Amino acid sequence: LSCMGSSETRWREAVIAGLVVSLFCVLIFSYALGLPFP
């Protein structure tokens, strides 16, 4: 949704970067910090 804010978005790159960022969020917030997010 954040990527939709720019007309210069390349969707193939956004999909791949979104997967990487989401995985990073899971690793940092759930495993490294131990926060109880589903």
PDB file of all heavy atoms in Angstrom:
ATOM      1  N   LEU A   1       0.830  -1.207   0.000  1.00  0.00           N
ATOM      2  CA  LEU A   1       0.000   0.000   0.000  1.00  0.00           C
ATOM      3  C   LEU A   1       0.866   1.259   0.000  1.00  0.00           C
ATOM      4  O   LEU A   1       0.515   2.262  -0.630  1.00  0.00           O
ATOM      5  CB  LEU A   1      -0.939   0.002   1.201  1.00  0.00           C
ATOM      6  CG  LEU A   1      -2.115  -0.956   1.130  1.00  0.00           C
ATOM      7  CD1 LEU A   1      -2.881  -0.938   2.443  1.00  0.00           C
ATOM      8  CD2 LEU A   1      -3.028  -0.605  -0.020  1.00  0.00           C
ATOM      9  N   SER A   2       1.975   1.214   0.678  1.00  0.00           N
ATOM     10  CA  SER A   2       2.894   2.351   0.667  1.00  0.00           C
ATOM     11  C   SER A   2       3.497   2.563  -0.713  1.00  0.00           C
ATOM     12  O   SER A   2       3.721   3.699  -1.133  1.00  0.00           O
ATOM     13  CB  SER A   2       4.019   2.145   1.680  1.00  0.00           C
ATOM     14  OG  SER A   2       3.503   2.061   2.971  1.00  0.00           O
ATOM     15  N   CYS A   3       3.749   1.481  -1.414  1.00  0.00           N
ATOM     16  CA  CYS A   3       4.300   1.586  -2.768  1.00  0.00           C
ATOM     17  C   CYS A   3       3.304   2.195  -3.744  1.00  0.00           C
ATOM     18  O   CYS A   3       3.700   2.763  -4.767  1.00  0.00           O
ATOM     19  CB  CYS A   3       4.728   0.214  -3.270  1.00  0.00           C
ATOM     20  SG  CYS A   3       6.202  -0.396  -2.470  1.00  0.00           S
ATOM     21  N   MET A   4       2.027   2.089  -3.451  1.00  0.00           N
ATOM     22  CA  MET A   4       1.012   2.663  -4.333  1.00  0.00           C
ATOM     23  C   MET A   4       1.038   4.188  -4.312  1.00  0.00           C
ATOM     24  O   MET A   4       0.425   4.827  -5.170  1.00  0.00           O
ATOM     25  CB  MET A   4      -0.379   2.162  -3.936  1.00  0.00           C
ATOM     26  CG  MET A   4      -0.584   0.696  -4.207  1.00  0.00           C
ATOM     27  SD  MET A   4      -2.160   0.096  -3.611  1.00  0.00           S
ATOM     28  CE  MET A   4      -3.281   0.908  -4.732  1.00  0.00           C
ATOM     29  N   GLY A   5       1.752   4.788  -3.396  1.00  0.00           N
ATOM     30  CA  GLY A   5       1.824   6.235  -3.285  1.00  0.00           C
ATOM     31  C   GLY A   5       2.721   6.887  -4.318  1.00  0.00           C
ATOM     32  O   GLY A   5       2.741   8.105  -4.443  1.00  0.00           O
ATOM     33  N   SER A   6       3.456   6.105  -5.077  1.00  0.00           N
ATOM     34  CA  SER A   6       4.364   6.662  -6.072  1.00  0.00           C
ATOM     35  C   SER A   6       4.016   6.133  -7.457  1.00  0.00           C
ATOM     36  O   SER A   6       3.722   4.954  -7.629  1.00  0.00           O
ATOM     37  CB  SER A   6       5.804   6.283  -5.731  1.00  0.00           C
ATOM     38  OG  SER A   6       6.668   6.683  -6.773  1.00  0.00           O
ATOM     39  N   SER A   7       4.087   7.008  -8.432  1.00  0.00           N
ATOM     40  CA  SER A   7       3.836   6.574  -9.804  1.00  0.00           C
ATOM     41  C   SER A   7       5.071   5.902 -10.407  1.00  0.00           C
ATOM     42  O   SER A   7       4.996   5.325 -11.487  1.00  0.00           O
ATOM     43  CB  SER A   7       3.431   7.767 -10.667  1.00  0.00           C
ATOM     44  OG  SER A   7       4.469   8.729 -10.694  1.00  0.00           O
ATOM     45  N   GLU A   8       6.189   5.976  -9.730  1.00  0.00           N
ATOM     46  CA  GLU A   8       7.430   5.386 -10.228  1.00  0.00           C
ATOM     47  C   GLU A   8       7.659   3.965  -9.724  1.00  0.00           C
ATOM     48  O   GLU A   8       8.725   3.398  -9.924  1.00  0.00           O
ATOM     49  CB  GLU A   8       8.609   6.260  -9.819  1.00  0.00           C
ATOM     50  CG  GLU A   8       8.527   7.661 -10.383  1.00  0.00           C
ATOM     51  CD  GLU A   8       9.653   8.540  -9.886  1.00  0.00           C
ATOM     52  OE1 GLU A   8      10.544   8.034  -9.184  1.00  0.00           O
ATOM     53  OE2 GLU A   8       9.628   9.732 -10.197  1.00  0.00           O
ATOM     54  N   THR A   9       6.682   3.381  -9.087  1.00  0.00           N
ATOM     55  CA  THR A   9       6.826   2.052  -8.505  1.00  0.00           C
ATOM     56  C   THR A   9       6.965   0.998  -9.584  1.00  0.00           C
ATOM     57  O   THR A   9       6.200   0.958 -10.541  1.00  0.00           O
ATOM     58  CB  THR A   9       5.600   1.726  -7.632  1.00  0.00           C
ATOM     59  OG1 THR A   9       5.503   2.693  -6.601  1.00  0.00           O
ATOM     60  CG2 THR A   9       5.707   0.340  -7.037  1.00  0.00           C
ATOM     61  N   ARG A  10       7.953   0.159  -9.422  1.00  0.00           N
ATOM     62  CA  ARG A  10       8.105  -1.032 -10.268  1.00  0.00           C
ATOM     63  C   ARG A  10       7.569  -2.196  -9.453  1.00  0.00           C
ATOM     64  O   ARG A  10       8.131  -2.555  -8.421  1.00  0.00           O
ATOM     65  CB  ARG A  10       9.567  -1.246 -10.622  1.00  0.00           C
ATOM     66  CG  ARG A  10      10.120  -0.163 -11.478  1.00  0.00           C
ATOM     67  CD  ARG A  10      11.546  -0.506 -11.880  1.00  0.00           C
ATOM     68  NE  ARG A  10      12.080   0.516 -12.720  1.00  0.00           N
ATOM     69  CZ  ARG A  10      13.201   1.162 -12.479  1.00  0.00           C
ATOM     70  NH1 ARG A  10      13.921   0.842 -11.422  1.00  0.00           N
ATOM     71  NH2 ARG A  10      13.634   2.085 -13.301  1.00  0.00           N
ATOM     72  N   TRP A  11       6.468  -2.774  -9.896  1.00  0.00           N
ATOM     73  CA  TRP A  11       5.735  -3.729  -9.068  1.00  0.00           C
ATOM     74  C   TRP A  11       6.479  -5.027  -8.844  1.00  0.00           C
ATOM     75  O   TRP A  11       6.348  -5.638  -7.794  1.00  0.00           O
ATOM     76  CB  TRP A  11       4.336  -3.957  -9.629  1.00  0.00           C
ATOM     77  CG  TRP A  11       3.509  -2.760  -9.344  1.00  0.00           C
ATOM     78  CD1 TRP A  11       3.139  -1.780 -10.212  1.00  0.00           C
ATOM     79  CD2 TRP A  11       3.022  -2.365  -8.059  1.00  0.00           C
ATOM     80  NE1 TRP A  11       2.447  -0.814  -9.556  1.00  0.00           N
ATOM     81  CE2 TRP A  11       2.356  -1.139  -8.235  1.00  0.00           C
ATOM     82  CE3 TRP A  11       3.087  -2.911  -6.794  1.00  0.00           C
ATOM     83  CZ2 TRP A  11       1.749  -0.465  -7.182  1.00  0.00           C
ATOM     84  CZ3 TRP A  11       2.486  -2.243  -5.752  1.00  0.00           C
ATOM     85  CH2 TRP A  11       1.829  -1.041  -5.953  1.00  0.00           C
ATOM     86  N   ARG A  12       7.243  -5.472  -9.792  1.00  0.00           N
ATOM     87  CA  ARG A  12       8.022  -6.706  -9.584  1.00  0.00           C
ATOM     88  C   ARG A  12       9.019  -6.499  -8.451  1.00  0.00           C
ATOM     89  O   ARG A  12       9.164  -7.349  -7.562  1.00  0.00           O
ATOM     90  CB  ARG A  12       8.734  -7.098 -10.862  1.00  0.00           C
ATOM     91  CG  ARG A  12       9.505  -8.400 -10.719  1.00  0.00           C
ATOM     92  CD  ARG A  12      10.128  -8.821 -12.012  1.00  0.00           C
ATOM     93  NE  ARG A  12       9.064  -9.117 -12.964  1.00  0.00           N
ATOM     94  CZ  ARG A  12       9.230  -9.226 -14.259  1.00  0.00           C
ATOM     95  NH1 ARG A  12      10.427  -9.051 -14.778  1.00  0.00           N
ATOM     96  NH2 ARG A  12       8.234  -9.501 -15.061  1.00  0.00           N
ATOM     97  N   GLU A  13       9.690  -5.357  -8.448  1.00  0.00           N
ATOM     98  CA  GLU A  13      10.638  -5.053  -7.380  1.00  0.00           C
ATOM     99  C   GLU A  13       9.925  -4.834  -6.054  1.00  0.00           C
ATOM    100  O   GLU A  13      10.432  -5.225  -4.999  1.00  0.00           O
ATOM    101  CB  GLU A  13      11.448  -3.813  -7.741  1.00  0.00           C
ATOM    102  CG  GLU A  13      12.361  -4.024  -8.920  1.00  0.00           C
ATOM    103  CD  GLU A  13      13.045  -2.743  -9.349  1.00  0.00           C
ATOM    104  OE1 GLU A  13      12.829  -1.692  -8.703  1.00  0.00           O
ATOM    105  OE2 GLU A  13      13.783  -2.798 -10.336  1.00  0.00           O
ATOM    106  N   ALA A  14       8.755  -4.219  -6.090  1.00  0.00           N
ATOM    107  CA  ALA A  14       8.002  -3.965  -4.864  1.00  0.00           C
ATOM    108  C   ALA A  14       7.540  -5.266  -4.214  1.00  0.00           C
ATOM    109  O   ALA A  14       7.579  -5.401  -2.988  1.00  0.00           O
ATOM    110  CB  ALA A  14       6.807  -3.073  -5.156  1.00  0.00           C
ATOM    111  N   VAL A  15       7.123  -6.227  -5.021  1.00  0.00           N
ATOM    112  CA  VAL A  15       6.682  -7.522  -4.487  1.00  0.00           C
ATOM    113  C   VAL A  15       7.844  -8.242  -3.817  1.00  0.00           C
ATOM    114  O   VAL A  15       7.712  -8.763  -2.707  1.00  0.00           O
ATOM    115  CB  VAL A  15       6.047  -8.377  -5.605  1.00  0.00           C
ATOM    116  CG1 VAL A  15       5.862  -9.811  -5.163  1.00  0.00           C
ATOM    117  CG2 VAL A  15       4.725  -7.768  -6.049  1.00  0.00           C
ATOM    118  N   ILE A  16       8.996  -8.246  -4.469  1.00  0.00           N
ATOM    119  CA  ILE A  16      10.168  -8.926  -3.902  1.00  0.00           C
ATOM    120  C   ILE A  16      10.661  -8.195  -2.652  1.00  0.00           C
ATOM    121  O   ILE A  16      10.950  -8.826  -1.623  1.00  0.00           O
ATOM    122  CB  ILE A  16      11.281  -9.044  -4.959  1.00  0.00           C
ATOM    123  CG1 ILE A  16      10.814  -9.972  -6.090  1.00  0.00           C
ATOM    124  CG2 ILE A  16      12.572  -9.552  -4.344  1.00  0.00           C
ATOM    125  CD1 ILE A  16      11.712  -9.961  -7.303  1.00  0.00           C
ATOM    126  N   ALA A  17      10.750  -6.871  -2.728  1.00  0.00           N
ATOM    127  CA  ALA A  17      11.201  -6.101  -1.570  1.00  0.00           C
ATOM    128  C   ALA A  17      10.215  -6.232  -0.407  1.00  0.00           C
ATOM    129  O   ALA A  17      10.622  -6.285   0.753  1.00  0.00           O
ATOM    130  CB  ALA A  17      11.373  -4.630  -1.949  1.00  0.00           C
ATOM    131  N   GLY A  18       8.926  -6.319  -0.702  1.00  0.00           N
ATOM    132  CA  GLY A  18       7.927  -6.511   0.337  1.00  0.00           C
ATOM    133  C   GLY A  18       8.105  -7.823   1.070  1.00  0.00           C
ATOM    134  O   GLY A  18       7.942  -7.890   2.295  1.00  0.00           O
ATOM    135  N   LEU A  19       8.421  -8.863   0.333  1.00  0.00           N
ATOM    136  CA  LEU A  19       8.677 -10.164   0.965  1.00  0.00           C
ATOM    137  C   LEU A  19       9.892 -10.101   1.885  1.00  0.00           C
ATOM    138  O   LEU A  19       9.876 -10.636   2.999  1.00  0.00           O
ATOM    139  CB  LEU A  19       8.859 -11.246  -0.089  1.00  0.00           C
ATOM    140  CG  LEU A  19       7.615 -11.621  -0.881  1.00  0.00           C
ATOM    141  CD1 LEU A  19       7.974 -12.555  -2.017  1.00  0.00           C
ATOM    142  CD2 LEU A  19       6.568 -12.239   0.021  1.00  0.00           C
ATOM    143  N   VAL A  20      10.943  -9.438   1.413  1.00  0.00           N
ATOM    144  CA  VAL A  20      12.169  -9.321   2.213  1.00  0.00           C
ATOM    145  C   VAL A  20      11.915  -8.488   3.471  1.00  0.00           C
ATOM    146  O   VAL A  20      12.329  -8.863   4.576  1.00  0.00           O
ATOM    147  CB  VAL A  20      13.311  -8.727   1.362  1.00  0.00           C
ATOM    148  CG1 VAL A  20      14.524  -8.408   2.219  1.00  0.00           C
ATOM    149  CG2 VAL A  20      13.676  -9.673   0.233  1.00  0.00           C
ATOM    150  N   VAL A  21      11.222  -7.367   3.320  1.00  0.00           N
ATOM    151  CA  VAL A  21      10.937  -6.505   4.471  1.00  0.00           C
ATOM    152  C   VAL A  21      10.039  -7.215   5.480  1.00  0.00           C
ATOM    153  O   VAL A  21      10.249  -7.129   6.686  1.00  0.00           O
ATOM    154  CB  VAL A  21      10.305  -5.172   3.997  1.00  0.00           C
ATOM    155  CG1 VAL A  21       9.725  -4.388   5.150  1.00  0.00           C
ATOM    156  CG2 VAL A  21      11.325  -4.348   3.247  1.00  0.00           C
ATOM    157  N   SER A  22       9.054  -7.953   4.991  1.00  0.00           N
ATOM    158  CA  SER A  22       8.160  -8.682   5.893  1.00  0.00           C
ATOM    159  C   SER A  22       8.905  -9.767   6.655  1.00  0.00           C
ATOM    160  O   SER A  22       8.684  -9.953   7.852  1.00  0.00           O
ATOM    161  CB  SER A  22       7.010  -9.296   5.093  1.00  0.00           C
ATOM    162  OG  SER A  22       6.246  -8.283   4.502  1.00  0.00           O
ATOM    163  N   LEU A  23       9.777 -10.479   5.984  1.00  0.00           N
ATOM    164  CA  LEU A  23      10.588 -11.486   6.656  1.00  0.00           C
ATOM    165  C   LEU A  23      11.490 -10.836   7.697  1.00  0.00           C
ATOM    166  O   LEU A  23      11.649 -11.355   8.807  1.00  0.00           O
ATOM    167  CB  LEU A  23      11.420 -12.265   5.639  1.00  0.00           C
ATOM    168  CG  LEU A  23      12.331 -13.332   6.201  1.00  0.00           C
ATOM    169  CD1 LEU A  23      11.518 -14.420   6.895  1.00  0.00           C
ATOM    170  CD2 LEU A  23      13.182 -13.925   5.102  1.00  0.00           C
ATOM    171  N   PHE A  24      12.070  -9.688   7.362  1.00  0.00           N
ATOM    172  CA  PHE A  24      12.910  -8.953   8.304  1.00  0.00           C
ATOM    173  C   PHE A  24      12.111  -8.524   9.534  1.00  0.00           C
ATOM    174  O   PHE A  24      12.595  -8.629  10.661  1.00  0.00           O
ATOM    175  CB  PHE A  24      13.521  -7.743   7.593  1.00  0.00           C
ATOM    176  CG  PHE A  24      14.511  -6.995   8.427  1.00  0.00           C
ATOM    177  CD1 PHE A  24      15.753  -7.535   8.712  1.00  0.00           C
ATOM    178  CD2 PHE A  24      14.203  -5.743   8.917  1.00  0.00           C
ATOM    179  CE1 PHE A  24      16.676  -6.837   9.482  1.00  0.00           C
ATOM    180  CE2 PHE A  24      15.100  -5.044   9.690  1.00  0.00           C
ATOM    181  CZ  PHE A  24      16.344  -5.594   9.974  1.00  0.00           C
ATOM    182  N   CYS A  25      10.876  -8.071   9.323  1.00  0.00           N
ATOM    183  CA  CYS A  25      10.012  -7.678  10.444  1.00  0.00           C
ATOM    184  C   CYS A  25       9.748  -8.858  11.374  1.00  0.00           C
ATOM    185  O   CYS A  25       9.784  -8.718  12.595  1.00  0.00           O
ATOM    186  CB  CYS A  25       8.681  -7.129   9.932  1.00  0.00           C
ATOM    187  SG  CYS A  25       8.788  -5.488   9.229  1.00  0.00           S
ATOM    188  N   VAL A  26       9.469 -10.018  10.788  1.00  0.00           N
ATOM    189  CA  VAL A  26       9.226 -11.211  11.600  1.00  0.00           C
ATOM    190  C   VAL A  26      10.471 -11.574  12.396  1.00  0.00           C
ATOM    191  O   VAL A  26      10.401 -11.867  13.596  1.00  0.00           O
ATOM    192  CB  VAL A  26       8.769 -12.387  10.706  1.00  0.00           C
ATOM    193  CG1 VAL A  26       8.799 -13.693  11.470  1.00  0.00           C
ATOM    194  CG2 VAL A  26       7.380 -12.120  10.157  1.00  0.00           C
ATOM    195  N   LEU A  27      11.622 -11.554  11.744  1.00  0.00           N
ATOM    196  CA  LEU A  27      12.863 -11.920  12.430  1.00  0.00           C
ATOM    197  C   LEU A  27      13.191 -10.954  13.564  1.00  0.00           C
ATOM    198  O   LEU A  27      13.571 -11.379  14.657  1.00  0.00           O
ATOM    199  CB  LEU A  27      14.021 -11.972  11.431  1.00  0.00           C
ATOM    200  CG  LEU A  27      13.974 -13.094  10.410  1.00  0.00           C
ATOM    201  CD1 LEU A  27      15.116 -12.934   9.413  1.00  0.00           C
ATOM    202  CD2 LEU A  27      14.036 -14.445  11.078  1.00  0.00           C
ATOM    203  N   ILE A  28      13.031  -9.675  13.324  1.00  0.00           N
ATOM    204  CA  ILE A  28      13.387  -8.678  14.342  1.00  0.00           C
ATOM    205  C   ILE A  28      12.381  -8.661  15.484  1.00  0.00           C
ATOM    206  O   ILE A  28      12.742  -8.781  16.654  1.00  0.00           O
ATOM    207  CB  ILE A  28      13.487  -7.268  13.705  1.00  0.00           C
ATOM    208  CG1 ILE A  28      14.664  -7.200  12.746  1.00  0.00           C
ATOM    209  CG2 ILE A  28      13.603  -6.185  14.772  1.00  0.00           C
ATOM    210  CD1 ILE A  28      16.009  -7.397  13.385  1.00  0.00           C
ATOM    211  N   PHE A  29      11.095  -8.481  15.161  1.00  0.00           N
ATOM    212  CA  PHE A  29      10.115  -8.251  16.216  1.00  0.00           C
ATOM    213  C   PHE A  29       9.716  -9.524  16.961  1.00  0.00           C
ATOM    214  O   PHE A  29       9.500  -9.493  18.158  1.00  0.00           O
ATOM    215  CB  PHE A  29       8.870  -7.570  15.644  1.00  0.00           C
ATOM    216  CG  PHE A  29       9.141  -6.171  15.188  1.00  0.00           C
ATOM    217  CD1 PHE A  29       9.035  -5.832  13.854  1.00  0.00           C
ATOM    218  CD2 PHE A  29       9.521  -5.196  16.083  1.00  0.00           C
ATOM    219  CE1 PHE A  29       9.298  -4.550  13.427  1.00  0.00           C
ATOM    220  CE2 PHE A  29       9.783  -3.907  15.674  1.00  0.00           C
ATOM    221  CZ  PHE A  29       9.679  -3.578  14.336  1.00  0.00           C
ATOM    222  N   SER A  30       9.621 -10.641  16.268  1.00  0.00           N
ATOM    223  CA  SER A  30       9.186 -11.859  16.949  1.00  0.00           C
ATOM    224  C   SER A  30      10.329 -12.645  17.554  1.00  0.00           C
ATOM    225  O   SER A  30      10.228 -13.109  18.684  1.00  0.00           O
ATOM    226  CB  SER A  30       8.419 -12.751  15.975  1.00  0.00           C
ATOM    227  OG  SER A  30       7.210 -12.140  15.645  1.00  0.00           O
ATOM    228  N   TYR A  31      11.400 -12.810  16.796  1.00  0.00           N
ATOM    229  CA  TYR A  31      12.474 -13.668  17.287  1.00  0.00           C
ATOM    230  C   TYR A  31      13.537 -12.898  18.070  1.00  0.00           C
ATOM    231  O   TYR A  31      13.907 -13.297  19.174  1.00  0.00           O
ATOM    232  CB  TYR A  31      13.102 -14.433  16.123  1.00  0.00           C
ATOM    233  CG  TYR A  31      12.132 -15.411  15.506  1.00  0.00           C
ATOM    234  CD1 TYR A  31      11.631 -15.203  14.230  1.00  0.00           C
ATOM    235  CD2 TYR A  31      11.682 -16.510  16.217  1.00  0.00           C
ATOM    236  CE1 TYR A  31      10.719 -16.082  13.670  1.00  0.00           C
ATOM    237  CE2 TYR A  31      10.767 -17.392  15.676  1.00  0.00           C
ATOM    238  CZ  TYR A  31      10.292 -17.175  14.393  1.00  0.00           C
ATOM    239  OH  TYR A  31       9.391 -18.039  13.852  1.00  0.00           O
ATOM    240  N   ALA A  32      14.006 -11.789  17.541  1.00  0.00           N
ATOM    241  CA  ALA A  32      15.077 -11.057  18.232  1.00  0.00           C
ATOM    242  C   ALA A  32      14.552 -10.325  19.470  1.00  0.00           C
ATOM    243  O   ALA A  32      15.179 -10.373  20.530  1.00  0.00           O
ATOM    244  CB  ALA A  32      15.735 -10.065  17.274  1.00  0.00           C
ATOM    245  N   LEU A  33      13.417  -9.647  19.345  1.00  0.00           N
ATOM    246  CA  LEU A  33      12.874  -8.899  20.480  1.00  0.00           C
ATOM    247  C   LEU A  33      11.889  -9.704  21.319  1.00  0.00           C
ATOM    248  O   LEU A  33      11.590  -9.336  22.449  1.00  0.00           O
ATOM    249  CB  LEU A  33      12.184  -7.622  19.979  1.00  0.00           C
ATOM    250  CG  LEU A  33      13.104  -6.607  19.312  1.00  0.00           C
ATOM    251  CD1 LEU A  33      12.300  -5.448  18.765  1.00  0.00           C
ATOM    252  CD2 LEU A  33      14.154  -6.120  20.289  1.00  0.00           C
ATOM    253  N   GLY A  34      11.370 -10.789  20.770  1.00  0.00           N
ATOM    254  CA  GLY A  34      10.461 -11.648  21.510  1.00  0.00           C
ATOM    255  C   GLY A  34       9.081 -11.068  21.738  1.00  0.00           C
ATOM    256  O   GLY A  34       8.424 -11.425  22.713  1.00  0.00           O
ATOM    257  N   LEU A  35       8.629 -10.156  20.881  1.00  0.00           N
ATOM    258  CA  LEU A  35       7.302  -9.567  21.043  1.00  0.00           C
ATOM    259  C   LEU A  35       6.221 -10.568  20.643  1.00  0.00           C
ATOM    260  O   LEU A  35       6.383 -11.307  19.681  1.00  0.00           O
ATOM    261  CB  LEU A  35       7.189  -8.291  20.194  1.00  0.00           C
ATOM    262  CG  LEU A  35       8.153  -7.181  20.584  1.00  0.00           C
ATOM    263  CD1 LEU A  35       8.040  -6.015  19.621  1.00  0.00           C
ATOM    264  CD2 LEU A  35       7.886  -6.712  21.993  1.00  0.00           C
ATOM    265  N   PRO A  36       5.129 -10.609  21.363  1.00  0.00           N
ATOM    266  CA  PRO A  36       4.111 -11.648  21.138  1.00  0.00           C
ATOM    267  C   PRO A  36       3.121 -11.306  20.017  1.00  0.00           C
ATOM    268  O   PRO A  36       1.921 -11.229  20.229  1.00  0.00           O
ATOM    269  CB  PRO A  36       3.402 -11.710  22.491  1.00  0.00           C
ATOM    270  CG  PRO A  36       3.496 -10.311  23.008  1.00  0.00           C
ATOM    271  CD  PRO A  36       4.832  -9.811  22.553  1.00  0.00           C
ATOM    272  N   PHE A  37       3.618 -11.074  18.809  1.00  0.00           N
ATOM    273  CA  PHE A  37       2.746 -10.839  17.663  1.00  0.00           C
ATOM    274  C   PHE A  37       2.371 -12.167  17.030  1.00  0.00           C
ATOM    275  O   PHE A  37       3.216 -13.071  16.928  1.00  0.00           O
ATOM    276  CB  PHE A  37       3.451 -10.003  16.592  1.00  0.00           C
ATOM    277  CG  PHE A  37       3.682  -8.583  16.966  1.00  0.00           C
ATOM    278  CD1 PHE A  37       4.941  -8.023  16.852  1.00  0.00           C
ATOM    279  CD2 PHE A  37       2.658  -7.781  17.423  1.00  0.00           C
ATOM    280  CE1 PHE A  37       5.174  -6.705  17.174  1.00  0.00           C
ATOM    281  CE2 PHE A  37       2.871  -6.459  17.752  1.00  0.00           C
ATOM    282  CZ  PHE A  37       4.129  -5.921  17.628  1.00  0.00           C
ATOM    283  N   PRO A  38       1.121 -12.320  16.559  1.00  0.00           N
ATOM    284  CA  PRO A  38       0.820 -13.502  15.750  1.00  0.00           C
ATOM    285  C   PRO A  38       1.566 -13.382  14.427  1.00  0.00           C
ATOM    286  O   PRO A  38       1.642 -12.297  13.843  1.00  0.00           O
ATOM    287  CB  PRO A  38      -0.698 -13.409  15.556  1.00  0.00           C
ATOM    288  CG  PRO A  38      -1.042 -11.989  15.778  1.00  0.00           C
ATOM    289  CD  PRO A  38      -0.029 -11.442  16.734  1.00  0.00           C
TER     290      PRO A  38
END
